[in-house]
C-alpha atoms as a PDB file:
ATOM      1  CA  MET A   1      12.222 -17.386  19.190  1.00  0.00           C
ATOM      2  CA  LYS A   2      11.918 -13.673  19.969  1.00  0.00           C
ATOM      3  CA  LYS A   3       8.596 -12.095  19.055  1.00  0.00           C
ATOM      4  CA  THR A   4       8.327  -8.511  17.899  1.00  0.00           C
ATOM      5  CA  ASP A   5       6.036  -5.704  18.725  1.00  0.00           C
ATOM      6  CA  ILE A   6       4.818  -5.790  15.137  1.00  0.00           C
ATOM      7  CA  GLY A   7       1.557  -7.439  13.783  1.00  0.00           C
ATOM      8  CA  VAL A   8       1.217  -8.330  10.241  1.00  0.00           C
ATOM      9  CA  VAL A   9      -1.993  -7.448   8.038  1.00  0.00           C
ATOM     10  CA  LEU A  10      -1.773  -9.159   4.705  1.00  0.00           C
ATOM     11  CA  VAL A  11      -4.441  -8.693   2.033  1.00  0.00           C
ATOM     12  CA  THR A  12      -4.827 -11.220  -0.705  1.00  0.00           C
ATOM     13  CA  TYR A  13      -7.268 -11.584  -3.795  1.00  0.00           C
ATOM     14  CA  ASN A  14      -7.060 -14.735  -6.275  1.00  0.00           C
ATOM     15  CA  ARG A  15      -3.373 -15.180  -5.892  1.00  0.00           C
ATOM     16  CA  LEU A  16      -3.261 -18.180  -3.969  1.00  0.00           C
ATOM     17  CA  GLY A  17       0.337 -19.109  -5.253  1.00  0.00           C
ATOM     18  CA  ASP A  18       1.602 -15.574  -4.129  1.00  0.00           C
ATOM     19  CA  LEU A  19      -0.165 -16.050  -0.819  1.00  0.00           C
ATOM     20  CA  LYS A  20       1.454 -19.410   0.116  1.00  0.00           C
ATOM     21  CA  ARG A  21       4.851 -17.804  -0.628  1.00  0.00           C
ATOM     22  CA  SER A  22       4.218 -14.717   1.330  1.00  0.00           C
ATOM     23  CA  LEU A  23       2.943 -16.564   4.296  1.00  0.00           C
ATOM     24  CA  ALA A  24       6.194 -18.789   4.343  1.00  0.00           C
ATOM     25  CA  CYS A  25       8.221 -15.585   4.282  1.00  0.00           C
ATOM     26  CA  TYR A  26       6.562 -14.301   7.515  1.00  0.00           C
ATOM     27  CA  GLU A  27       6.594 -17.862   9.263  1.00  0.00           C
ATOM     28  CA  GLY A  28      10.413 -18.173   8.498  1.00  0.00           C
ATOM     29  CA  GLN A  29      11.370 -14.543   9.998  1.00  0.00           C
ATOM     30  CA  THR A  30      14.302 -14.529  12.292  1.00  0.00           C
ATOM     31  CA  ALA A  31      11.891 -12.579  14.745  1.00  0.00           C
ATOM     32  CA  LEU A  32       8.330 -13.358  14.835  1.00  0.00           C
ATOM     33  CA  PRO A  33       5.387 -11.286  14.257  1.00  0.00           C
ATOM     34  CA  ALA A  34       2.933 -10.503  17.070  1.00  0.00           C
ATOM     35  CA  TYR A  35       0.108 -11.871  14.935  1.00  0.00           C
ATOM     36  CA  ILE A  36      -0.986 -12.084  11.534  1.00  0.00           C
ATOM     37  CA  ILE A  37      -4.273 -11.181  10.098  1.00  0.00           C
ATOM     38  CA  VAL A  38      -5.065 -12.276   6.451  1.00  0.00           C
ATOM     39  CA  VAL A  39      -7.879 -10.526   4.653  1.00  0.00           C
ATOM     40  CA  ASP A  40      -9.374 -12.482   2.047  1.00  0.00           C
ATOM     41  CA  ASN A  41     -11.126 -10.392  -0.574  1.00  0.00           C
ATOM     42  CA  CYS A  42     -13.624 -12.992  -1.276  1.00  0.00           C
ATOM     43  CA  SER A  43     -11.096 -15.061  -3.476  1.00  0.00           C
ATOM     44  CA  THR A  44     -12.629 -17.723  -5.724  1.00  0.00           C
ATOM     45  CA  ASP A  45      -9.418 -19.730  -6.464  1.00  0.00           C
ATOM     46  CA  GLY A  46      -9.366 -21.808  -3.221  1.00  0.00           C
ATOM     47  CA  THR A  47      -7.787 -19.299  -0.935  1.00  0.00           C
ATOM     48  CA  ALA A  48     -10.666 -19.755   1.626  1.00  0.00           C
ATOM     49  CA  GLU A  49     -10.097 -23.441   1.778  1.00  0.00           C
ATOM     50  CA  TYR A  50      -6.329 -23.092   2.107  1.00  0.00           C
ATOM     51  CA  LEU A  51      -6.497 -20.587   4.764  1.00  0.00           C
ATOM     52  CA  ALA A  52      -8.942 -22.901   6.813  1.00  0.00           C
ATOM     53  CA  ALA A  53      -6.140 -25.536   6.676  1.00  0.00           C
ATOM     54  CA  TRP A  54      -3.300 -22.981   7.476  1.00  0.00           C
ATOM     55  CA  LEU A  55      -5.178 -21.697  10.660  1.00  0.00           C
ATOM     56  CA  GLY A  56      -5.366 -25.317  11.669  1.00  0.00           C
ATOM     57  CA  ARG A  57      -1.656 -25.617  11.995  1.00  0.00           C
ATOM     58  CA  GLU A  58       0.221 -25.008  15.182  1.00  0.00           C
ATOM     59  CA  ARG A  59       2.453 -21.935  15.039  1.00  0.00           C
ATOM     60  CA  PRO A  60       4.231 -19.700  17.710  1.00  0.00           C
ATOM     61  CA  PHE A  61       1.769 -16.670  16.999  1.00  0.00           C
ATOM     62  CA  PRO A  62      -1.803 -15.991  16.719  1.00  0.00           C
ATOM     63  CA  ALA A  63      -3.339 -15.928  13.342  1.00  0.00           C
ATOM     64  CA  GLU A  64      -6.689 -15.290  11.819  1.00  0.00           C
ATOM     65  CA  ALA A  65      -8.424 -14.856   8.466  1.00  0.00           C
ATOM     66  CA  VAL A  66     -11.072 -12.253   7.572  1.00  0.00           C
ATOM     67  CA  ARG A  67     -13.107 -13.367   4.681  1.00  0.00           C
ATOM     68  CA  LEU A  68     -15.034 -10.401   3.164  1.00  0.00           C
ATOM     69  CA  PRO A  69     -18.459 -10.871   1.401  1.00  0.00           C
ATOM     70  CA  GLU A  70     -17.339  -9.307  -1.777  1.00  0.00           C
ATOM     71  CA  ASN A  71     -14.198  -8.021  -3.518  1.00  0.00           C
ATOM     72  CA  THR A  72     -13.631  -4.570  -2.062  1.00  0.00           C
ATOM     73  CA  GLY A  73     -10.224  -4.081  -3.872  1.00  0.00           C
ATOM     74  CA  GLY A  74      -6.983  -3.468  -2.032  1.00  0.00           C
ATOM     75  CA  SER A  75      -8.334  -0.244  -0.455  1.00  0.00           C
ATOM     76  CA  GLY A  76     -11.427  -2.150   1.276  1.00  0.00           C
ATOM     77  CA  GLY A  77      -8.982  -4.945   2.244  1.00  0.00           C
ATOM     78  CA  PHE A  78      -6.656  -2.753   4.027  1.00  0.00           C
ATOM     79  CA  HIS A  79      -9.285  -0.838   5.574  1.00  0.00           C
ATOM     80  CA  ALA A  80     -10.843  -4.134   7.158  1.00  0.00           C
ATOM     81  CA  GLY A  81      -7.500  -5.499   8.080  1.00  0.00           C
ATOM     82  CA  LEU A  82      -6.155  -2.357   9.853  1.00  0.00           C
ATOM     83  CA  ALA A  83      -9.509  -1.905  11.620  1.00  0.00           C
ATOM     84  CA  ALA A  84      -8.962  -5.491  12.982  1.00  0.00           C
ATOM     85  CA  ALA A  85      -5.510  -4.677  13.905  1.00  0.00           C
ATOM     86  CA  LEU A  86      -6.560  -1.724  16.053  1.00  0.00           C
ATOM     87  CA  ALA A  87      -8.099  -4.136  18.419  1.00  0.00           C
ATOM     88  CA  LYS A  88      -4.900  -5.841  19.189  1.00  0.00           C
ATOM     89  CA  ASP A  89      -2.193  -5.368  21.788  1.00  0.00           C
ATOM     90  CA  ALA A  90       0.642  -4.857  19.458  1.00  0.00           C
ATOM     91  CA  PRO A  91       1.668  -1.215  19.015  1.00  0.00           C
ATOM     92  CA  TRP A  92       2.915  -1.395  15.418  1.00  0.00           C
ATOM     93  CA  VAL A  93       1.307  -3.217  12.160  1.00  0.00           C
ATOM     94  CA  TRP A  94       3.134  -4.216   9.176  1.00  0.00           C
ATOM     95  CA  ALA A  95       0.832  -3.868   6.390  1.00  0.00           C
ATOM     96  CA  SER A  96       1.341  -5.644   2.771  1.00  0.00           C
ATOM     97  CA  ASP A  97       0.032  -7.098  -0.323  1.00  0.00           C
ATOM     98  CA  ASP A  98       0.221 -10.760  -1.015  1.00  0.00           C
ATOM     99  CA  ASP A  99       2.767 -10.247  -3.703  1.00  0.00           C
ATOM    100  CA  GLY A 100       5.294  -8.641  -1.224  1.00  0.00           C
ATOM    101  CA  PHE A 101       8.022 -11.048  -0.154  1.00  0.00           C
ATOM    102  CA  PRO A 102       9.993 -10.053   2.985  1.00  0.00           C
ATOM    103  CA  GLU A 103      13.448 -11.076   3.454  1.00  0.00           C
ATOM    104  CA  PRO A 104      13.954 -13.465   6.550  1.00  0.00           C
ATOM    105  CA  ASP A 105      15.259 -10.585   8.542  1.00  0.00           C
ATOM    106  CA  CYS A 106      12.740  -7.916   7.896  1.00  0.00           C
ATOM    107  CA  LEU A 107      10.808  -7.973  11.102  1.00  0.00           C
ATOM    108  CA  GLN A 108      13.973  -8.248  13.249  1.00  0.00           C
ATOM    109  CA  ARG A 109      15.185  -5.259  11.545  1.00  0.00           C
ATOM    110  CA  ALA A 110      12.019  -3.385  11.783  1.00  0.00           C
ATOM    111  CA  GLN A 111      12.080  -4.117  15.727  1.00  0.00           C
ATOM    112  CA  GLU A 112      15.678  -2.960  15.775  1.00  0.00           C
ATOM    113  CA  PHE A 113      14.587   0.459  14.128  1.00  0.00           C
ATOM    114  CA  ILE A 114      11.750   0.822  16.718  1.00  0.00           C
ATOM    115  CA  ASP A 115      14.286  -0.123  19.393  1.00  0.00           C
ATOM    116  CA  GLY A 116      17.011   2.070  18.102  1.00  0.00           C
ATOM    117  CA  MET A 117      14.869   5.107  17.989  1.00  0.00           C
ATOM    118  CA  GLY A 118      13.808   4.874  21.675  1.00  0.00           C
ATOM    119  CA  GLY A 119      12.027   7.948  22.899  1.00  0.00           C
ATOM    120  CA  GLU A 120      12.193   9.521  19.378  1.00  0.00           C
ATOM    121  CA  THR A 121       9.465   7.202  18.111  1.00  0.00           C
ATOM    122  CA  ALA A 122       6.823   9.569  19.688  1.00  0.00           C
ATOM    123  CA  GLY A 123       7.556  11.556  16.653  1.00  0.00           C
ATOM    124  CA  VAL A 124       7.180   8.757  13.955  1.00  0.00           C
ATOM    125  CA  SER A 125       3.757   7.642  12.639  1.00  0.00           C
ATOM    126  CA  ALA A 126       5.247   5.159  10.154  1.00  0.00           C
ATOM    127  CA  PHE A 127       8.045   3.469   8.341  1.00  0.00           C
ATOM    128  CA  CYS A 128       8.703   1.181   5.672  1.00  0.00           C
ATOM    129  CA  GLY A 129      11.233  -1.086   4.015  1.00  0.00           C
ATOM    130  CA  MET A 130      12.715  -1.130   0.461  1.00  0.00           C
ATOM    131  CA  CYS A 131      10.690  -2.631  -2.360  1.00  0.00           C
ATOM    132  CA  VAL A 132      12.878  -4.342  -4.715  1.00  0.00           C
ATOM    133  CA  ASP A 133      11.594  -5.414  -8.160  1.00  0.00           C
ATOM    134  CA  GLY A 134      13.794  -6.957 -10.551  1.00  0.00           C
ATOM    135  CA  GLY A 135      16.918  -6.759  -8.457  1.00  0.00           C
ATOM    136  CA  ARG A 136      16.686  -2.863  -8.172  1.00  0.00           C
ATOM    137  CA  PRO A 137      14.924  -0.636  -5.858  1.00  0.00           C
ATOM    138  CA  ALA A 138      11.430   0.301  -6.852  1.00  0.00           C
ATOM    139  CA  PRO A 139      11.449   4.054  -6.225  1.00  0.00           C
ATOM    140  CA  VAL A 140       7.803   4.557  -7.348  1.00  0.00           C
ATOM    141  CA  GLN A 141       6.661   2.641  -3.939  1.00  0.00           C
ATOM    142  CA  ARG A 142       8.160   5.382  -1.958  1.00  0.00           C
ATOM    143  CA  ALA A 143       7.789   8.999  -2.899  1.00  0.00           C
ATOM    144  CA  ARG A 144       8.167  12.565  -1.658  1.00  0.00           C
ATOM    145  CA  ILE A 145       5.974  15.687  -2.209  1.00  0.00           C
ATOM    146  CA  VAL A 146       8.078  18.591  -3.732  1.00  0.00           C
ATOM    147  CA  LYS A 147       7.258  21.893  -5.093  1.00  0.00           C
ATOM    148  CA  ARG A 148       8.060  22.947  -8.555  1.00  0.00           C
ATOM    149  CA  LEU A 149       7.108  25.788 -10.601  1.00  0.00           C
ATOM    150  CA  PHE A 150       4.583  26.690  -7.837  1.00  0.00           C
ATOM    151  CA  VAL A 151       2.978  23.302  -7.726  1.00  0.00           C
ATOM    152  CA  ARG A 152       3.219  20.331  -5.739  1.00  0.00           C
ATOM    153  CA  GLN A 153       3.803  16.912  -6.975  1.00  0.00           C
ATOM    154  CA  GLU A 154       4.655  13.670  -5.734  1.00  0.00           C
ATOM    155  CA  LEU A 155       8.313  12.401  -7.115  1.00  0.00           C
ATOM    156  CA  PRO A 156       9.826   8.865  -6.607  1.00  0.00           C
ATOM    157  CA  VAL A 157      12.813   8.764  -4.284  1.00  0.00           C
ATOM    158  CA  PRO A 158      16.022   8.530  -6.173  1.00  0.00           C
ATOM    159  CA  GLU A 159      17.858   5.151  -6.184  1.00  0.00           C
ATOM    160  CA  LYS A 160      20.967   6.433  -4.795  1.00  0.00           C
ATOM    161  CA  GLU A 161      19.060   7.143  -1.606  1.00  0.00           C
ATOM    162  CA  PHE A 162      18.138   3.580  -1.133  1.00  0.00           C
ATOM    163  CA  ARG A 163      21.783   2.523  -2.020  1.00  0.00           C
ATOM    164  CA  SER A 164      23.036   4.538   0.870  1.00  0.00           C
ATOM    165  CA  GLY A 165      21.599   2.181   3.095  1.00  0.00           C
ATOM    166  CA  ARG A 166      20.782   4.908   5.633  1.00  0.00           C
ATOM    167  CA  PRO A 167      17.160   5.656   6.797  1.00  0.00           C
ATOM    168  CA  PHE A 168      15.545   8.756   5.221  1.00  0.00           C
ATOM    169  CA  THR A 169      12.144  10.496   5.359  1.00  0.00           C
ATOM    170  CA  ILE A 170       9.449  10.350   2.975  1.00  0.00           C
ATOM    171  CA  ASP A 171       5.786  11.618   2.438  1.00  0.00           C
ATOM    172  CA  MET A 172       4.121   8.664   0.660  1.00  0.00           C
ATOM    173  CA  TYR A 173       4.173   4.861   0.877  1.00  0.00           C
ATOM    174  CA  SER A 174       2.703   1.881  -0.709  1.00  0.00           C
ATOM    175  CA  PHE A 175       1.222  -0.877   1.529  1.00  0.00           C
ATOM    176  CA  VAL A 176       4.089  -3.166   0.727  1.00  0.00           C
ATOM    177  CA  GLY A 177       6.088  -3.654   3.816  1.00  0.00           C
ATOM    178  CA  THR A 178       4.897  -0.529   5.610  1.00  0.00           C
ATOM    179  CA  VAL A 179       4.873  -0.427   9.389  1.00  0.00           C
ATOM    180  CA  LEU A 180       2.250   1.755  11.031  1.00  0.00           C
ATOM    181  CA  LYS A 181       2.257   3.067  14.626  1.00  0.00           C
ATOM    182  CA  LYS A 182      -1.185   2.019  16.067  1.00  0.00           C
ATOM    183  CA  GLU A 183      -1.302   5.354  17.863  1.00  0.00           C
ATOM    184  CA  ALA A 184      -1.073   7.326  14.979  1.00  0.00           C
ATOM    185  CA  LEU A 185      -3.355   5.306  13.200  1.00  0.00           C
ATOM    186  CA  LEU A 186      -6.124   6.057  15.491  1.00  0.00           C
ATOM    187  CA  LYS A 187      -5.404   9.576  14.954  1.00  0.00           C
ATOM    188  CA  ALA A 188      -5.057   9.756  11.220  1.00  0.00           C
ATOM    189  CA  GLY A 189      -7.773   7.258  10.415  1.00  0.00           C
ATOM    190  CA  LEU A 190      -8.071   3.931   8.366  1.00  0.00           C
ATOM    191  CA  PRO A 191      -7.322   3.895   4.500  1.00  0.00           C
ATOM    192  CA  ARG A 192     -10.068   5.051   2.203  1.00  0.00           C
ATOM    193  CA  LYS A 193     -12.200   1.911   1.297  1.00  0.00           C
ATOM    194  CA  ASP A 194     -14.085   3.772  -1.336  1.00  0.00           C
ATOM    195  CA  PHE A 195     -11.035   4.159  -3.541  1.00  0.00           C
ATOM    196  CA  PHE A 196     -11.193   0.420  -4.102  1.00  0.00           C
ATOM    197  CA  ILE A 197      -7.740   0.190  -5.727  1.00  0.00           C
ATOM    198  CA  TYR A 198      -4.482   2.608  -6.325  1.00  0.00           C
ATOM    199  CA  GLN A 199      -3.738   5.816  -4.200  1.00  0.00           C
ATOM    200  CA  ASP A 200      -5.329   4.531  -1.075  1.00  0.00           C
ATOM    201  CA  ASP A 201      -1.830   4.137   0.578  1.00  0.00           C
ATOM    202  CA  TYR A 202      -0.662   7.404  -0.839  1.00  0.00           C
ATOM    203  CA  GLU A 203      -3.517   9.316   0.432  1.00  0.00           C
ATOM    204  CA  HIS A 204      -3.438   7.430   3.669  1.00  0.00           C
ATOM    205  CA  ALA A 205       0.374   8.479   4.115  1.00  0.00           C
ATOM    206  CA  LEU A 206      -0.415  12.218   3.632  1.00  0.00           C
ATOM    207  CA  ARG A 207      -2.885  11.898   6.752  1.00  0.00           C
ATOM    208  CA  MET A 208      -0.198   9.939   8.613  1.00  0.00           C
ATOM    209  CA  GLY A 209       2.387  12.599   7.824  1.00  0.00           C
ATOM    210  CA  LYS A 210       0.316  14.970   9.591  1.00  0.00           C
ATOM    211  CA  VAL A 211       0.587  12.998  12.948  1.00  0.00           C
ATOM    212  CA  GLY A 212       4.357  12.205  12.681  1.00  0.00           C
ATOM    213  CA  LYS A 213       7.422  11.542  10.455  1.00  0.00           C
ATOM    214  CA  ILE A 214       7.622   8.822   8.060  1.00  0.00           C
ATOM    215  CA  TYR A 215      10.817   7.000   7.377  1.00  0.00           C
ATOM    216  CA  CYS A 216      11.996   4.490   4.720  1.00  0.00           C
ATOM    217  CA  VAL A 217      14.633   2.032   6.156  1.00  0.00           C
ATOM    218  CA  PRO A 218      16.494   0.413   3.163  1.00  0.00           C
ATOM    219  CA  GLY A 219      17.998  -2.319   5.393  1.00  0.00           C
ATOM    220  CA  ILE A 220      14.332  -3.892   5.591  1.00  0.00           C
ATOM    221  CA  VAL A 221      14.074  -5.468   2.074  1.00  0.00           C
ATOM    222  CA  ILE A 222      10.799  -6.645   0.404  1.00  0.00           C
ATOM    223  CA  ARG A 223      10.742  -8.541  -3.076  1.00  0.00           C
ATOM    224  CA  HIS A 224       7.694  -7.233  -4.683  1.00  0.00           C
ATOM    225  CA  ARG A 225       6.148  -8.433  -8.106  1.00  0.00           C
ATOM    226  CA  ASP A 226       4.647  -5.293  -9.408  1.00  0.00           C
ATOM    227  CA  ASN A 227       2.063  -6.163 -12.197  1.00  0.00           C
ATOM    228  CA  TYR A 228       0.952  -2.854 -13.249  1.00  0.00           C
ATOM    229  CA  GLY A 229       2.715  -0.254 -15.208  1.00  0.00           C
ATOM    230  CA  GLY A 230       0.022   1.568 -16.706  1.00  0.00           C
ATOM    231  CA  GLY A 231       1.084   0.577 -20.352  1.00  0.00           C
ATOM    232  CA  GLY A 232      -0.652  -1.514 -22.899  1.00  0.00           C
ATOM    233  CA  ARG A 233      -4.426  -1.441 -23.470  1.00  0.00           C
ATOM    234  CA  ALA A 234      -6.634   0.823 -21.610  1.00  0.00           C
ATOM    235  CA  SER A 235      -7.999  -1.118 -18.448  1.00  0.00           C
ATOM    236  CA  TRP A 236     -10.178  -0.520 -15.447  1.00  0.00           C
ATOM    237  CA  ARG A 237      -6.850  -0.038 -13.675  1.00  0.00           C
ATOM    238  CA  ASP A 238      -6.393   3.271 -15.561  1.00  0.00           C
ATOM    239  CA  TYR A 239      -9.597   4.678 -14.294  1.00  0.00           C
ATOM    240  CA  TYR A 240      -8.854   4.005 -10.559  1.00  0.00           C
ATOM    241  CA  ALA A 241      -5.336   5.177 -10.575  1.00  0.00           C
ATOM    242  CA  THR A 242      -6.354   8.370 -12.329  1.00  0.00           C
ATOM    243  CA  ARG A 243      -9.726   9.168 -10.595  1.00  0.00           C
ATOM    244  CA  ASN A 244      -8.302   8.413  -6.935  1.00  0.00           C
ATOM    245  CA  ALA A 245      -5.214  10.656  -7.908  1.00  0.00           C
ATOM    246  CA  VAL A 246      -7.542  13.527  -8.806  1.00  0.00           C
ATOM    247  CA  VAL A 247      -9.328  12.996  -5.464  1.00  0.00           C
ATOM    248  CA  MET A 248      -6.272  13.165  -3.405  1.00  0.00           C
ATOM    249  CA  TYR A 249      -5.011  16.211  -5.094  1.00  0.00           C
ATOM    250  CA  ARG A 250      -8.274  17.802  -4.832  1.00  0.00           C
ATOM    251  CA  GLU A 251      -8.504  17.257  -1.052  1.00  0.00           C
ATOM    252  CA  HIS A 252      -4.840  17.421  -0.110  1.00  0.00           C
ATOM    253  CA  PHE A 253      -3.251  20.065  -2.461  1.00  0.00           C
ATOM    254  CA  ASP A 254      -3.897  23.361  -4.001  1.00  0.00           C
ATOM    255  CA  ARG A 255      -5.886  24.046  -7.144  1.00  0.00           C
ATOM    256  CA  ALA A 256      -2.729  24.843  -9.278  1.00  0.00           C
ATOM    257  CA  SER A 257      -1.077  21.312  -8.328  1.00  0.00           C
ATOM    258  CA  LEU A 258      -4.567  19.595  -9.146  1.00  0.00           C
ATOM    259  CA  LEU A 259      -4.943  21.358 -12.688  1.00  0.00           C
ATOM    260  CA  VAL A 260      -1.293  20.425 -13.438  1.00  0.00           C
ATOM    261  CA  ARG A 261      -1.860  16.733 -12.360  1.00  0.00           C
ATOM    262  CA  MET A 262      -4.986  16.484 -14.419  1.00  0.00           C
ATOM    263  CA  ALA A 263      -3.343  17.912 -17.409  1.00  0.00           C
ATOM    264  CA  ARG A 264      -0.418  15.480 -17.183  1.00  0.00           C
ATOM    265  CA  ARG A 265      -2.668  12.495 -17.081  1.00  0.00           C
ATOM    266  CA  LEU A 266      -4.816  13.864 -20.080  1.00  0.00           C
ATOM    267  CA  LEU A 267      -1.784  14.700 -22.176  1.00  0.00           C
ATOM    268  CA  VAL A 268      -0.445  11.077 -21.664  1.00  0.00           C
ATOM    269  CA  ALA A 269      -3.770   9.715 -22.638  1.00  0.00           C
ATOM    270  CA  LEU A 270      -4.030  11.818 -25.698  1.00  0.00           C
ATOM    271  CA  ALA A 271      -0.354  11.256 -26.799  1.00  0.00           C
ATOM    272  CA  SER A 272      -1.218   7.392 -26.840  1.00  0.00           C
ATOM    273  CA  MET A 273      -3.640   8.096 -29.651  1.00  0.00           C
ATOM    274  CA  ASP A 274      -6.048   5.362 -28.091  1.00  0.00           C
ATOM    275  CA  PRO A 275      -9.737   6.589 -28.011  1.00  0.00           C
ATOM    276  CA  ALA A 276     -10.453   4.229 -25.202  1.00  0.00           C
ATOM    277  CA  ARG A 277      -7.663   5.571 -22.972  1.00  0.00           C
ATOM    278  CA  VAL A 278      -8.840   9.027 -23.619  1.00  0.00           C
ATOM    279  CA  ARG A 279     -12.243   8.058 -22.582  1.00  0.00           C
ATOM    280  CA  VAL A 280     -11.160   6.376 -19.604  1.00  0.00           C
ATOM    281  CA  THR A 281      -9.140   9.314 -18.470  1.00  0.00           C
ATOM    282  CA  VAL A 282     -11.819  11.803 -19.089  1.00  0.00           C
ATOM    283  CA  ASP A 283     -14.240   9.885 -17.065  1.00  0.00           C
ATOM    284  CA  ALA A 284     -11.886   9.327 -14.250  1.00  0.00           C
ATOM    285  CA  ILE A 285     -10.944  12.987 -13.931  1.00  0.00           C
ATOM    286  CA  SER A 286     -14.698  14.012 -14.205  1.00  0.00           C
ATOM    287  CA  ASP A 287     -15.836  11.578 -11.363  1.00  0.00           C
ATOM    288  CA  GLY A 288     -12.598  12.585  -9.258  1.00  0.00           C
ATOM    289  CA  LEU A 289     -13.598  16.105  -9.596  1.00  0.00           C
ATOM    290  CA  ARG A 290     -17.062  15.345  -8.406  1.00  0.00           C
ATOM    291  CA  GLY A 291     -15.774  13.069  -5.521  1.00  0.00           C
ATOM    292  CA  ARG A 292     -17.518  10.162  -7.114  1.00  0.00           C
ATOM    293  CA  THR A 293     -15.718   7.103  -5.616  1.00  0.00           C
ATOM    294  CA  GLY A 294     -16.530   3.451  -5.079  1.00  0.00           C
ATOM    295  CA  VAL A 295     -16.630   0.746  -7.911  1.00  0.00           C
ATOM    296  CA  HIS A 296     -17.614   2.468 -11.431  1.00  0.00           C
ATOM    297  CA  GLY A 297     -20.649   0.795 -13.159  1.00  0.00           C
ATOM    298  CA  VAL A 298     -18.540   0.087 -16.314  1.00  0.00           C
ATOM    299  CA  TYR A 299     -14.797   0.054 -15.332  1.00  0.00           C
ATOM    300  CA  VAL A 300     -15.168  -3.152 -13.234  1.00  0.00           C
ATOM    301  CA  PRO A 301     -12.123  -5.562 -12.735  1.00  0.00           C
ATOM    302  CA  GLY A 302     -11.448  -7.074 -15.919  1.00  0.00           C
ATOM    303  CA  TRP A 303     -12.754  -4.351 -18.300  1.00  0.00           C
ATOM    304  CA  GLU A 304     -10.422  -3.356 -21.273  1.00  0.00           C
ATOM    305  CA  GLY A 305     -10.971  -0.751 -23.980  1.00  0.00           C
END
């Protein structure tokens, strides 16, 4: 079976069922990956034991597992995985979470896109597939930066563009079926591991976009189980989503855009009439403005207000 020029970096943490399903998807591709690197964020659910057995099987492509000494979040996981990918020969790297399940022809279609671009790939830094959640395109996984009323903000791609089936340019991607050119990755740098979780992929896309164009190819379909919608009780996830957005806007955008972004987050929290959500949002904005990143002493995984 034909191999592609695309390696795979897969990050997992305590979702062994998803990991098994995801690995089966990559092993069942119509065109095989150049390699697979699984980054285990110090899982405690038997993932390490499963990966040890998985690595012992025969397969037509190289595979390895990187077990981190502690849970560094998705940000740290992708930082470690993509750092390992830079030492590989394959010129392209597919990055994804363990709850992204590619259709059997994803890598084949990704290789066809690369081959079809020919010499024009010199101007491309990354491209990604279409995430599907619940049978519909998940536009929030791909976004553009637009300027409205003198401020810049990210907006999801309209569903009709996914439905057109034609590749289109974007400014931001999530690490769910995103293919990075290794040459561009060397120039733009690795994802920020100090974000811990959320916005690390969006921030990385902004840097990759300075190196070359970023495309979305709707014909590359990834089924995705997104388990965070920002609703319900205030949680640790709200802190990182807001703090890292503030850091990103502070470092990449103008002051007016930053102020509007913070105001929107704060208004949503106030409208909830939930004191815990307001407190989390205020703390996140404060830390973001000061550039305080890493894992917060209070808002650790599992915290709820």
